[in-house]
Amino acid sequence: MAKQSKMMEGIKVALELIDNGVYEIIDSSLYRGERKLGSKDKQSGNIFYVIKGVDILAQRLHYAYHNGGVDSLKEGYGIHFLDGNRENLTKDNLVQLPRKGAKAKLTELRKGLSSPLPITPQEVPTNNGTQAEEDTTYTAKELEARKIMQLVNKGLSNKEVAEQLGVKASRVNDVKRGKSNAKATADLRK
């Protein structure tokens, strides 16, 4: 049997500590008691945890946690973010792809994203009354913007929306003001 890498051993230890209640994953973040763990690498943008002296990539730990343990992590594969946001460690945002050809496969997956939100065509005035807009396909960023607006419309604060979706508060503010993804959220802005 091949020797496991230090990170894989660290992930195995971290998962055991999560099972034992030492660590806890809440809203796609790792906590020890009340303290949120993790540091962001300035160069890559990845979040790292240091557990028992071992640096662990957050996306690898979260993927293993959500998909049945260390055995779900395959040799020669990387964990990628469907929406491109390296801070969004939710189960549905993490995907494992072979390192060879990962960029093309990720682009293909992003194009094929279907909306989890019910999207109704926006009514657009024309000379003959109203006509439903034909194109209701949105990019991943536009879908994120629509989610932001739906939560804002429910009365959540910018900070609450940012924490819930794993985005920056400035992103929420830009979407809310119509500075970012204005066309995709026009029907949701009051």
N, C-alpha and C. Protein backbone atom coordinates (compact mmCIF):
# COMPACT_ATOMS: atom_id res chain seq x y z
N MET A 1 0.84 -1.18 0.00
CA MET A 1 0.00 0.00 0.00
C MET A 1 0.88 1.25 0.00
N ALA A 2 0.57 2.22 -0.83
CA ALA A 2 1.36 3.44 -0.96
C ALA A 2 1.23 4.30 0.30
N LYS A 3 2.30 5.00 0.61
CA LYS A 3 2.31 5.88 1.78
C LYS A 3 1.45 7.11 1.51
N GLN A 4 0.62 7.49 2.48
CA GLN A 4 -0.24 8.66 2.33
C GLN A 4 0.60 9.93 2.50
N SER A 5 0.19 10.99 1.81
CA SER A 5 0.87 12.27 1.96
C SER A 5 0.56 12.84 3.35
N LYS A 6 1.37 13.80 3.73
CA LYS A 6 1.19 14.41 5.05
C LYS A 6 -0.17 15.10 5.14
N MET A 7 -0.61 15.74 4.03
CA MET A 7 -1.91 16.41 4.04
C MET A 7 -3.04 15.40 4.20
N MET A 8 -2.93 14.26 3.52
CA MET A 8 -3.97 13.23 3.63
C MET A 8 -4.05 12.70 5.06
N GLU A 9 -2.89 12.51 5.69
CA GLU A 9 -2.87 12.07 7.08
C GLU A 9 -3.51 13.13 7.98
N GLY A 10 -3.20 14.41 7.68
CA GLY A 10 -3.79 15.51 8.44
C GLY A 10 -5.30 15.57 8.29
N ILE A 11 -5.79 15.33 7.07
CA ILE A 11 -7.23 15.33 6.82
C ILE A 11 -7.89 14.20 7.60
N LYS A 12 -7.24 13.04 7.61
CA LYS A 12 -7.78 11.89 8.36
C LYS A 12 -7.88 12.23 9.85
N VAL A 13 -6.83 12.85 10.40
CA VAL A 13 -6.83 13.25 11.81
C VAL A 13 -7.93 14.30 12.05
N ALA A 14 -8.05 15.27 11.15
CA ALA A 14 -9.07 16.32 11.29
C ALA A 14 -10.48 15.74 11.29
N LEU A 15 -10.73 14.78 10.40
CA LEU A 15 -12.05 14.16 10.34
C LEU A 15 -12.36 13.38 11.62
N GLU A 16 -11.34 12.74 12.18
CA GLU A 16 -11.52 12.04 13.46
C GLU A 16 -11.85 13.04 14.57
N LEU A 17 -11.16 14.19 14.57
CA LEU A 17 -11.41 15.21 15.58
C LEU A 17 -12.81 15.83 15.42
N ILE A 18 -13.27 15.93 14.17
CA ILE A 18 -14.64 16.42 13.93
C ILE A 18 -15.64 15.40 14.47
N ASP A 19 -15.39 14.12 14.19
CA ASP A 19 -16.28 13.07 14.70
C ASP A 19 -16.31 13.04 16.22
N ASN A 20 -15.17 13.35 16.86
CA ASN A 20 -15.08 13.34 18.33
C ASN A 20 -15.59 14.64 18.96
N GLY A 21 -15.98 15.61 18.14
CA GLY A 21 -16.54 16.86 18.67
C GLY A 21 -15.52 17.92 19.03
N VAL A 22 -14.24 17.69 18.75
CA VAL A 22 -13.22 18.70 19.05
C VAL A 22 -13.37 19.88 18.09
N TYR A 23 -13.58 19.55 16.80
CA TYR A 23 -13.84 20.56 15.77
C TYR A 23 -15.27 20.38 15.29
N GLU A 24 -15.78 21.45 14.66
CA GLU A 24 -17.16 21.41 14.16
C GLU A 24 -17.21 22.21 12.86
N ILE A 25 -17.94 21.70 11.88
CA ILE A 25 -18.14 22.44 10.64
C ILE A 25 -19.54 23.04 10.69
N ILE A 26 -19.56 24.39 10.64
CA ILE A 26 -20.81 25.14 10.66
C ILE A 26 -20.79 26.11 9.49
N ASP A 27 -21.83 26.09 8.67
CA ASP A 27 -21.93 26.99 7.51
C ASP A 27 -20.64 27.00 6.69
N SER A 28 -20.14 25.84 6.37
CA SER A 28 -18.94 25.63 5.56
C SER A 28 -17.69 26.29 6.13
N SER A 29 -17.61 26.41 7.45
CA SER A 29 -16.41 26.90 8.12
C SER A 29 -16.07 25.94 9.25
N LEU A 30 -14.78 25.84 9.56
CA LEU A 30 -14.32 24.96 10.63
C LEU A 30 -14.15 25.76 11.91
N TYR A 31 -14.71 25.25 12.99
CA TYR A 31 -14.65 25.91 14.29
C TYR A 31 -14.06 24.97 15.33
N ARG A 32 -13.35 25.56 16.26
CA ARG A 32 -12.95 24.86 17.48
C ARG A 32 -13.56 25.67 18.61
N GLY A 33 -14.65 25.16 19.16
CA GLY A 33 -15.42 25.92 20.13
C GLY A 33 -16.08 27.08 19.42
N GLU A 34 -15.86 28.29 19.93
CA GLU A 34 -16.43 29.50 19.32
C GLU A 34 -15.51 30.12 18.28
N ARG A 35 -14.28 29.61 18.17
CA ARG A 35 -13.26 30.22 17.32
C ARG A 35 -13.29 29.64 15.91
N LYS A 36 -13.45 30.53 14.93
CA LYS A 36 -13.41 30.13 13.52
C LYS A 36 -11.95 29.95 13.12
N LEU A 37 -11.67 28.83 12.47
CA LEU A 37 -10.31 28.51 12.08
C LEU A 37 -10.07 28.78 10.61
N GLY A 38 -8.80 28.85 10.24
CA GLY A 38 -8.43 28.99 8.83
C GLY A 38 -7.75 30.30 8.54
N SER A 39 -6.80 30.24 7.63
CA SER A 39 -6.13 31.46 7.16
C SER A 39 -6.08 31.41 5.65
N LYS A 40 -6.20 32.58 5.05
CA LYS A 40 -6.25 32.69 3.59
C LYS A 40 -4.85 32.99 3.06
N ASP A 41 -4.41 32.18 2.11
CA ASP A 41 -3.14 32.42 1.45
C ASP A 41 -3.31 33.58 0.48
N LYS A 42 -2.50 34.62 0.65
CA LYS A 42 -2.67 35.83 -0.16
C LYS A 42 -2.40 35.58 -1.64
N GLN A 43 -1.44 34.72 -1.93
CA GLN A 43 -1.08 34.49 -3.32
C GLN A 43 -2.10 33.64 -4.07
N SER A 44 -2.52 32.52 -3.48
CA SER A 44 -3.43 31.61 -4.19
C SER A 44 -4.90 31.87 -3.89
N GLY A 45 -5.20 32.48 -2.73
CA GLY A 45 -6.58 32.70 -2.34
C GLY A 45 -7.19 31.50 -1.64
N ASN A 46 -6.43 30.40 -1.51
CA ASN A 46 -6.93 29.21 -0.83
C ASN A 46 -6.95 29.41 0.68
N ILE A 47 -7.88 28.73 1.33
CA ILE A 47 -7.94 28.74 2.79
C ILE A 47 -7.24 27.48 3.30
N PHE A 48 -6.40 27.67 4.32
CA PHE A 48 -5.66 26.56 4.93
C PHE A 48 -6.04 26.44 6.39
N TYR A 49 -6.06 25.22 6.88
CA TYR A 49 -6.19 24.95 8.30
C TYR A 49 -4.88 24.31 8.75
N VAL A 50 -4.44 24.62 9.97
CA VAL A 50 -3.29 23.94 10.55
C VAL A 50 -3.83 23.09 11.70
N ILE A 51 -3.77 21.78 11.50
CA ILE A 51 -4.28 20.84 12.50
C ILE A 51 -3.16 19.89 12.87
N LYS A 52 -2.82 19.89 14.15
CA LYS A 52 -1.74 19.05 14.68
C LYS A 52 -0.44 19.30 13.90
N GLY A 53 -0.19 20.57 13.56
CA GLY A 53 1.05 20.95 12.88
C GLY A 53 1.09 20.67 11.39
N VAL A 54 -0.02 20.26 10.80
CA VAL A 54 -0.07 19.93 9.37
C VAL A 54 -0.96 20.93 8.65
N ASP A 55 -0.44 21.52 7.57
CA ASP A 55 -1.24 22.42 6.73
C ASP A 55 -2.19 21.59 5.88
N ILE A 56 -3.47 21.97 5.92
CA ILE A 56 -4.49 21.25 5.16
C ILE A 56 -5.27 22.24 4.32
N LEU A 57 -5.41 21.94 3.03
CA LEU A 57 -6.25 22.76 2.16
C LEU A 57 -7.71 22.60 2.59
N ALA A 58 -8.37 23.70 2.84
CA ALA A 58 -9.75 23.66 3.33
C ALA A 58 -10.68 22.91 2.37
N GLN A 59 -10.50 23.14 1.05
CA GLN A 59 -11.42 22.50 0.11
C GLN A 59 -11.28 20.97 0.13
N ARG A 60 -10.08 20.47 0.38
CA ARG A 60 -9.88 19.02 0.45
C ARG A 60 -10.55 18.44 1.70
N LEU A 61 -10.39 19.14 2.83
CA LEU A 61 -11.03 18.68 4.07
C LEU A 61 -12.55 18.69 3.94
N HIS A 62 -13.10 19.78 3.43
CA HIS A 62 -14.56 19.88 3.30
C HIS A 62 -15.10 18.85 2.31
N TYR A 63 -14.38 18.63 1.21
CA TYR A 63 -14.83 17.63 0.24
C TYR A 63 -14.86 16.25 0.90
N ALA A 64 -13.79 15.91 1.62
CA ALA A 64 -13.73 14.61 2.30
C ALA A 64 -14.84 14.50 3.35
N TYR A 65 -15.08 15.58 4.08
CA TYR A 65 -16.11 15.60 5.13
C TYR A 65 -17.49 15.31 4.53
N HIS A 66 -17.80 15.95 3.40
CA HIS A 66 -19.12 15.83 2.78
C HIS A 66 -19.29 14.55 1.95
N ASN A 67 -18.18 13.89 1.60
CA ASN A 67 -18.27 12.77 0.66
C ASN A 67 -17.72 11.45 1.21
N GLY A 68 -17.73 11.30 2.51
CA GLY A 68 -17.44 9.98 3.07
C GLY A 68 -16.02 9.73 3.53
N GLY A 69 -15.24 10.77 3.76
CA GLY A 69 -13.92 10.57 4.33
C GLY A 69 -12.78 10.66 3.34
N VAL A 70 -11.59 10.31 3.84
CA VAL A 70 -10.35 10.43 3.07
C VAL A 70 -10.39 9.55 1.82
N ASP A 71 -11.09 8.44 1.88
CA ASP A 71 -11.15 7.52 0.74
C ASP A 71 -11.82 8.16 -0.48
N SER A 72 -12.61 9.21 -0.28
CA SER A 72 -13.26 9.88 -1.42
C SER A 72 -12.29 10.74 -2.22
N LEU A 73 -11.13 11.07 -1.63
CA LEU A 73 -10.12 11.86 -2.32
C LEU A 73 -9.25 10.95 -3.17
N LYS A 74 -9.27 11.14 -4.48
CA LYS A 74 -8.55 10.27 -5.40
C LYS A 74 -7.17 10.84 -5.71
N GLU A 75 -6.20 9.96 -5.89
CA GLU A 75 -4.84 10.34 -6.27
C GLU A 75 -4.86 10.95 -7.66
N GLY A 76 -4.16 12.06 -7.85
CA GLY A 76 -4.10 12.71 -9.16
C GLY A 76 -5.30 13.59 -9.47
N TYR A 77 -6.15 13.81 -8.48
CA TYR A 77 -7.33 14.66 -8.66
C TYR A 77 -7.21 15.89 -7.77
N GLY A 78 -7.83 16.98 -8.18
CA GLY A 78 -7.87 18.19 -7.39
C GLY A 78 -9.30 18.56 -7.07
N ILE A 79 -9.47 19.36 -6.04
CA ILE A 79 -10.81 19.84 -5.66
C ILE A 79 -10.95 21.25 -6.20
N HIS A 80 -12.01 21.49 -6.95
CA HIS A 80 -12.23 22.78 -7.61
C HIS A 80 -13.56 23.38 -7.17
N PHE A 81 -13.69 24.70 -7.37
CA PHE A 81 -14.87 25.46 -6.97
C PHE A 81 -15.71 25.76 -8.20
N LEU A 82 -16.95 25.30 -8.21
CA LEU A 82 -17.81 25.54 -9.37
C LEU A 82 -18.04 27.02 -9.63
N ASP A 83 -18.24 27.80 -8.57
CA ASP A 83 -18.51 29.22 -8.76
C ASP A 83 -17.24 30.07 -8.79
N GLY A 84 -16.07 29.44 -8.62
CA GLY A 84 -14.81 30.18 -8.65
C GLY A 84 -14.47 30.87 -7.34
N ASN A 85 -15.36 30.86 -6.37
CA ASN A 85 -15.15 31.52 -5.09
C ASN A 85 -14.46 30.55 -4.15
N ARG A 86 -13.18 30.79 -3.86
CA ARG A 86 -12.38 29.87 -3.04
C ARG A 86 -12.78 29.88 -1.57
N GLU A 87 -13.67 30.78 -1.19
CA GLU A 87 -14.15 30.82 0.19
C GLU A 87 -15.49 30.10 0.35
N ASN A 88 -16.09 29.71 -0.76
CA ASN A 88 -17.37 29.01 -0.73
C ASN A 88 -17.11 27.50 -0.66
N LEU A 89 -17.09 26.98 0.55
CA LEU A 89 -16.74 25.58 0.79
C LEU A 89 -17.97 24.69 0.98
N THR A 90 -19.09 25.08 0.40
CA THR A 90 -20.30 24.28 0.53
C THR A 90 -20.21 23.02 -0.33
N LYS A 91 -20.96 22.00 0.05
CA LYS A 91 -20.90 20.70 -0.62
C LYS A 91 -21.19 20.82 -2.12
N ASP A 92 -22.20 21.59 -2.48
CA ASP A 92 -22.59 21.67 -3.89
C ASP A 92 -21.66 22.55 -4.72
N ASN A 93 -20.68 23.21 -4.10
CA ASN A 93 -19.74 24.05 -4.85
C ASN A 93 -18.41 23.34 -5.09
N LEU A 94 -18.15 22.24 -4.39
CA LEU A 94 -16.87 21.55 -4.51
C LEU A 94 -17.01 20.35 -5.46
N VAL A 95 -16.07 20.24 -6.38
CA VAL A 95 -16.08 19.13 -7.33
C VAL A 95 -14.65 18.60 -7.48
N GLN A 96 -14.53 17.28 -7.56
CA GLN A 96 -13.23 16.64 -7.72
C GLN A 96 -13.02 16.30 -9.19
N LEU A 97 -11.91 16.80 -9.75
CA LEU A 97 -11.63 16.58 -11.17
C LEU A 97 -10.18 16.13 -11.33
N PRO A 98 -9.89 15.33 -12.37
CA PRO A 98 -8.50 14.95 -12.62
C PRO A 98 -7.68 16.20 -12.94
N ARG A 99 -6.44 16.21 -12.47
CA ARG A 99 -5.60 17.40 -12.68
C ARG A 99 -5.39 17.67 -14.18
N LYS A 100 -5.26 16.61 -14.96
CA LYS A 100 -5.13 16.77 -16.42
C LYS A 100 -6.49 17.10 -17.01
N GLY A 101 -6.59 18.22 -17.67
CA GLY A 101 -7.84 18.61 -18.32
C GLY A 101 -8.87 19.21 -17.38
N ALA A 102 -8.45 19.57 -16.17
CA ALA A 102 -9.39 20.08 -15.18
C ALA A 102 -10.01 21.42 -15.60
N LYS A 103 -9.20 22.28 -16.21
CA LYS A 103 -9.69 23.61 -16.58
C LYS A 103 -10.83 23.50 -17.61
N ALA A 104 -10.64 22.66 -18.61
CA ALA A 104 -11.67 22.49 -19.65
C ALA A 104 -12.93 21.85 -19.06
N LYS A 105 -12.74 20.84 -18.22
CA LYS A 105 -13.89 20.16 -17.60
C LYS A 105 -14.66 21.12 -16.68
N LEU A 106 -13.92 21.94 -15.94
CA LEU A 106 -14.55 22.91 -15.04
C LEU A 106 -15.36 23.94 -15.83
N THR A 107 -14.80 24.40 -16.93
CA THR A 107 -15.52 25.35 -17.80
C THR A 107 -16.80 24.71 -18.33
N GLU A 108 -16.71 23.45 -18.72
CA GLU A 108 -17.88 22.71 -19.22
C GLU A 108 -18.94 22.58 -18.12
N LEU A 109 -18.51 22.26 -16.91
CA LEU A 109 -19.45 22.13 -15.79
C LEU A 109 -20.11 23.46 -15.46
N ARG A 110 -19.33 24.53 -15.51
CA ARG A 110 -19.89 25.85 -15.20
C ARG A 110 -20.92 26.27 -16.23
N LYS A 111 -20.69 25.95 -17.49
CA LYS A 111 -21.66 26.27 -18.53
C LYS A 111 -22.94 25.47 -18.37
N GLY A 112 -22.81 24.24 -17.86
CA GLY A 112 -23.95 23.36 -17.71
C GLY A 112 -24.71 23.53 -16.41
N LEU A 113 -24.29 24.52 -15.59
CA LEU A 113 -24.99 24.73 -14.32
C LEU A 113 -26.44 25.07 -14.57
N SER A 114 -27.31 24.39 -13.88
CA SER A 114 -28.72 24.75 -13.96
C SER A 114 -29.07 25.52 -12.71
N SER A 115 -30.03 26.37 -12.80
CA SER A 115 -30.39 27.23 -11.69
C SER A 115 -31.16 26.48 -10.61
N PRO A 116 -30.71 26.58 -9.35
CA PRO A 116 -31.49 25.99 -8.27
C PRO A 116 -32.66 26.88 -7.87
N LEU A 117 -32.68 28.10 -8.41
CA LEU A 117 -33.75 29.04 -8.10
C LEU A 117 -34.82 28.98 -9.17
N PRO A 118 -36.08 29.11 -8.81
CA PRO A 118 -37.11 29.18 -9.84
C PRO A 118 -37.00 30.52 -10.57
N ILE A 119 -36.76 30.46 -11.86
CA ILE A 119 -36.58 31.69 -12.64
C ILE A 119 -37.79 31.86 -13.54
N THR A 120 -38.47 32.96 -13.34
CA THR A 120 -39.61 33.25 -14.19
C THR A 120 -39.20 34.33 -15.18
N PRO A 121 -39.62 34.21 -16.42
CA PRO A 121 -39.26 35.22 -17.40
C PRO A 121 -39.77 36.60 -17.00
N GLN A 122 -38.94 37.58 -17.22
CA GLN A 122 -39.30 38.95 -16.88
C GLN A 122 -40.20 39.51 -17.97
N GLU A 123 -41.22 40.24 -17.56
CA GLU A 123 -42.10 40.86 -18.54
C GLU A 123 -41.42 42.10 -19.12
N VAL A 124 -41.31 42.14 -20.43
CA VAL A 124 -40.66 43.25 -21.11
C VAL A 124 -41.68 43.96 -21.97
N PRO A 125 -41.87 45.27 -21.75
CA PRO A 125 -42.85 45.98 -22.55
C PRO A 125 -42.43 46.08 -24.02
N THR A 126 -43.40 45.91 -24.91
CA THR A 126 -43.15 46.07 -26.35
C THR A 126 -44.26 46.93 -26.91
N ASN A 127 -44.24 47.15 -28.21
CA ASN A 127 -45.28 47.95 -28.85
C ASN A 127 -46.64 47.26 -28.78
N ASN A 128 -46.66 45.93 -28.73
CA ASN A 128 -47.91 45.17 -28.73
C ASN A 128 -48.34 44.74 -27.33
N GLY A 129 -47.93 45.41 -26.30
CA GLY A 129 -48.29 45.00 -24.95
C GLY A 129 -47.07 44.48 -24.22
N THR A 130 -47.16 43.26 -23.69
CA THR A 130 -46.00 42.69 -23.01
C THR A 130 -45.64 41.36 -23.64
N GLN A 131 -44.35 41.06 -23.57
CA GLN A 131 -43.85 39.83 -24.15
C GLN A 131 -42.83 39.26 -23.18
N ALA A 132 -42.93 37.97 -22.89
CA ALA A 132 -41.99 37.34 -21.96
C ALA A 132 -40.61 37.26 -22.58
N GLU A 133 -39.61 37.53 -21.77
CA GLU A 133 -38.23 37.45 -22.24
C GLU A 133 -37.89 35.98 -22.50
N GLU A 134 -37.27 35.70 -23.63
CA GLU A 134 -36.97 34.33 -24.02
C GLU A 134 -35.80 33.74 -23.23
N ASP A 135 -34.72 34.50 -23.08
CA ASP A 135 -33.49 33.96 -22.51
C ASP A 135 -33.50 34.06 -20.99
N THR A 136 -33.58 32.92 -20.29
CA THR A 136 -33.55 32.92 -18.83
C THR A 136 -32.38 32.09 -18.31
N THR A 137 -31.33 31.94 -19.11
CA THR A 137 -30.13 31.23 -18.64
C THR A 137 -29.19 32.25 -18.02
N TYR A 138 -28.64 31.88 -16.87
CA TYR A 138 -27.76 32.78 -16.15
C TYR A 138 -26.41 32.11 -15.90
N THR A 139 -25.37 32.93 -15.82
CA THR A 139 -24.05 32.41 -15.47
C THR A 139 -24.02 32.14 -13.96
N ALA A 140 -22.94 31.52 -13.49
CA ALA A 140 -22.81 31.22 -12.06
C ALA A 140 -22.83 32.52 -11.23
N LYS A 141 -22.15 33.55 -11.71
CA LYS A 141 -22.12 34.84 -10.98
C LYS A 141 -23.50 35.50 -10.96
N GLU A 142 -24.24 35.38 -12.06
CA GLU A 142 -25.58 35.94 -12.11
C GLU A 142 -26.53 35.18 -11.18
N LEU A 143 -26.38 33.87 -11.11
CA LEU A 143 -27.19 33.07 -10.17
C LEU A 143 -26.86 33.46 -8.74
N GLU A 144 -25.58 33.67 -8.46
CA GLU A 144 -25.18 34.11 -7.13
C GLU A 144 -25.81 35.47 -6.81
N ALA A 145 -25.80 36.38 -7.78
CA ALA A 145 -26.40 37.70 -7.59
C ALA A 145 -27.90 37.58 -7.33
N ARG A 146 -28.58 36.68 -8.03
CA ARG A 146 -30.01 36.48 -7.80
C ARG A 146 -30.27 35.94 -6.39
N LYS A 147 -29.41 35.00 -5.93
CA LYS A 147 -29.54 34.49 -4.57
C LYS A 147 -29.36 35.62 -3.56
N ILE A 148 -28.37 36.47 -3.82
CA ILE A 148 -28.12 37.61 -2.94
C ILE A 148 -29.35 38.48 -2.84
N MET A 149 -29.94 38.82 -3.98
CA MET A 149 -31.12 39.70 -3.98
C MET A 149 -32.31 39.05 -3.30
N GLN A 150 -32.48 37.75 -3.48
CA GLN A 150 -33.60 37.06 -2.83
C GLN A 150 -33.45 37.12 -1.32
N LEU A 151 -32.23 36.92 -0.82
CA LEU A 151 -32.00 36.98 0.63
C LEU A 151 -32.15 38.40 1.17
N VAL A 152 -31.67 39.38 0.40
CA VAL A 152 -31.81 40.79 0.80
C VAL A 152 -33.29 41.15 0.86
N ASN A 153 -34.05 40.68 -0.12
CA ASN A 153 -35.49 40.96 -0.14
C ASN A 153 -36.24 40.29 1.01
N LYS A 154 -35.65 39.23 1.57
CA LYS A 154 -36.26 38.57 2.74
C LYS A 154 -35.96 39.33 4.03
N GLY A 155 -35.12 40.38 3.93
CA GLY A 155 -34.85 41.21 5.10
C GLY A 155 -33.52 40.95 5.78
N LEU A 156 -32.67 40.10 5.22
CA LEU A 156 -31.36 39.85 5.82
C LEU A 156 -30.44 41.03 5.56
N SER A 157 -29.53 41.28 6.49
CA SER A 157 -28.57 42.37 6.32
C SER A 157 -27.49 41.94 5.33
N ASN A 158 -26.72 42.92 4.83
CA ASN A 158 -25.64 42.61 3.89
C ASN A 158 -24.66 41.62 4.51
N LYS A 159 -24.32 41.83 5.77
CA LYS A 159 -23.36 40.97 6.46
C LYS A 159 -23.91 39.54 6.60
N GLU A 160 -25.19 39.41 6.94
CA GLU A 160 -25.81 38.09 7.08
C GLU A 160 -25.83 37.35 5.74
N VAL A 161 -26.17 38.07 4.67
CA VAL A 161 -26.20 37.46 3.34
C VAL A 161 -24.79 37.01 2.94
N ALA A 162 -23.80 37.88 3.19
CA ALA A 162 -22.41 37.56 2.85
C ALA A 162 -21.94 36.31 3.58
N GLU A 163 -22.24 36.22 4.86
CA GLU A 163 -21.81 35.05 5.64
C GLU A 163 -22.53 33.79 5.17
N GLN A 164 -23.81 33.90 4.86
CA GLN A 164 -24.59 32.73 4.45
C GLN A 164 -24.11 32.18 3.12
N LEU A 165 -23.76 33.07 2.18
CA LEU A 165 -23.37 32.63 0.85
C LEU A 165 -21.86 32.51 0.67
N GLY A 166 -21.10 32.94 1.68
CA GLY A 166 -19.65 32.86 1.58
C GLY A 166 -19.06 33.84 0.59
N VAL A 167 -19.64 35.04 0.52
CA VAL A 167 -19.11 36.10 -0.35
C VAL A 167 -18.77 37.32 0.51
N LYS A 168 -18.11 38.28 -0.09
CA LYS A 168 -17.76 39.50 0.63
C LYS A 168 -18.99 40.40 0.74
N ALA A 169 -19.04 41.19 1.83
CA ALA A 169 -20.16 42.11 2.03
C ALA A 169 -20.20 43.16 0.92
N SER A 170 -19.04 43.52 0.38
CA SER A 170 -19.00 44.51 -0.71
C SER A 170 -19.68 43.95 -1.96
N ARG A 171 -19.56 42.63 -2.19
CA ARG A 171 -20.24 41.99 -3.33
C ARG A 171 -21.76 42.10 -3.16
N VAL A 172 -22.23 41.86 -1.94
CA VAL A 172 -23.66 41.97 -1.65
C VAL A 172 -24.12 43.41 -1.89
N ASN A 173 -23.35 44.37 -1.41
CA ASN A 173 -23.70 45.78 -1.57
C ASN A 173 -23.74 46.17 -3.05
N ASP A 174 -22.75 45.72 -3.83
CA ASP A 174 -22.72 46.03 -5.27
C ASP A 174 -23.94 45.47 -6.00
N VAL A 175 -24.32 44.24 -5.67
CA VAL A 175 -25.49 43.62 -6.30
C VAL A 175 -26.75 44.37 -5.88
N LYS A 176 -26.84 44.69 -4.61
CA LYS A 176 -28.03 45.37 -4.07
C LYS A 176 -28.24 46.74 -4.73
N ARG A 177 -27.14 47.46 -4.98
CA ARG A 177 -27.23 48.78 -5.61
C ARG A 177 -27.37 48.73 -7.13
N GLY A 178 -27.20 47.52 -7.71
CA GLY A 178 -27.30 47.40 -9.16
C GLY A 178 -25.99 47.69 -9.87
N LYS A 179 -24.92 47.79 -9.11
CA LYS A 179 -23.60 48.05 -9.70
C LYS A 179 -23.04 46.79 -10.35
N SER A 180 -23.44 45.63 -9.84
CA SER A 180 -22.95 44.36 -10.34
C SER A 180 -24.14 43.46 -10.70
N ASN A 181 -24.08 42.85 -11.88
CA ASN A 181 -25.14 41.95 -12.37
C ASN A 181 -26.52 42.61 -12.36
N ALA A 182 -26.58 43.84 -12.81
CA ALA A 182 -27.82 44.62 -12.77
C ALA A 182 -28.92 44.00 -13.64
N LYS A 183 -28.59 43.52 -14.82
CA LYS A 183 -29.61 42.97 -15.72
C LYS A 183 -30.21 41.68 -15.16
N ALA A 184 -29.35 40.85 -14.56
CA ALA A 184 -29.81 39.55 -14.06
C ALA A 184 -30.70 39.71 -12.82
N THR A 185 -30.56 40.84 -12.11
CA THR A 185 -31.32 41.03 -10.86
C THR A 185 -32.34 42.14 -10.95
N ALA A 186 -32.55 42.69 -12.13
CA ALA A 186 -33.45 43.84 -12.28
C ALA A 186 -34.86 43.54 -11.77
N ASP A 187 -35.35 42.33 -12.01
CA ASP A 187 -36.71 41.97 -11.60
C ASP A 187 -36.81 41.76 -10.07
N LEU A 188 -35.67 41.58 -9.41
CA LEU A 188 -35.67 41.35 -7.96
C LEU A 188 -35.40 42.62 -7.15
N ARG A 189 -34.89 43.67 -7.80
CA ARG A 189 -34.61 44.91 -7.11
C ARG A 189 -35.87 45.73 -6.99
N LYS A 190 -36.11 46.28 -5.81
CA LYS A 190 -37.35 47.06 -5.56
C LYS A 190 -37.16 48.50 -5.93
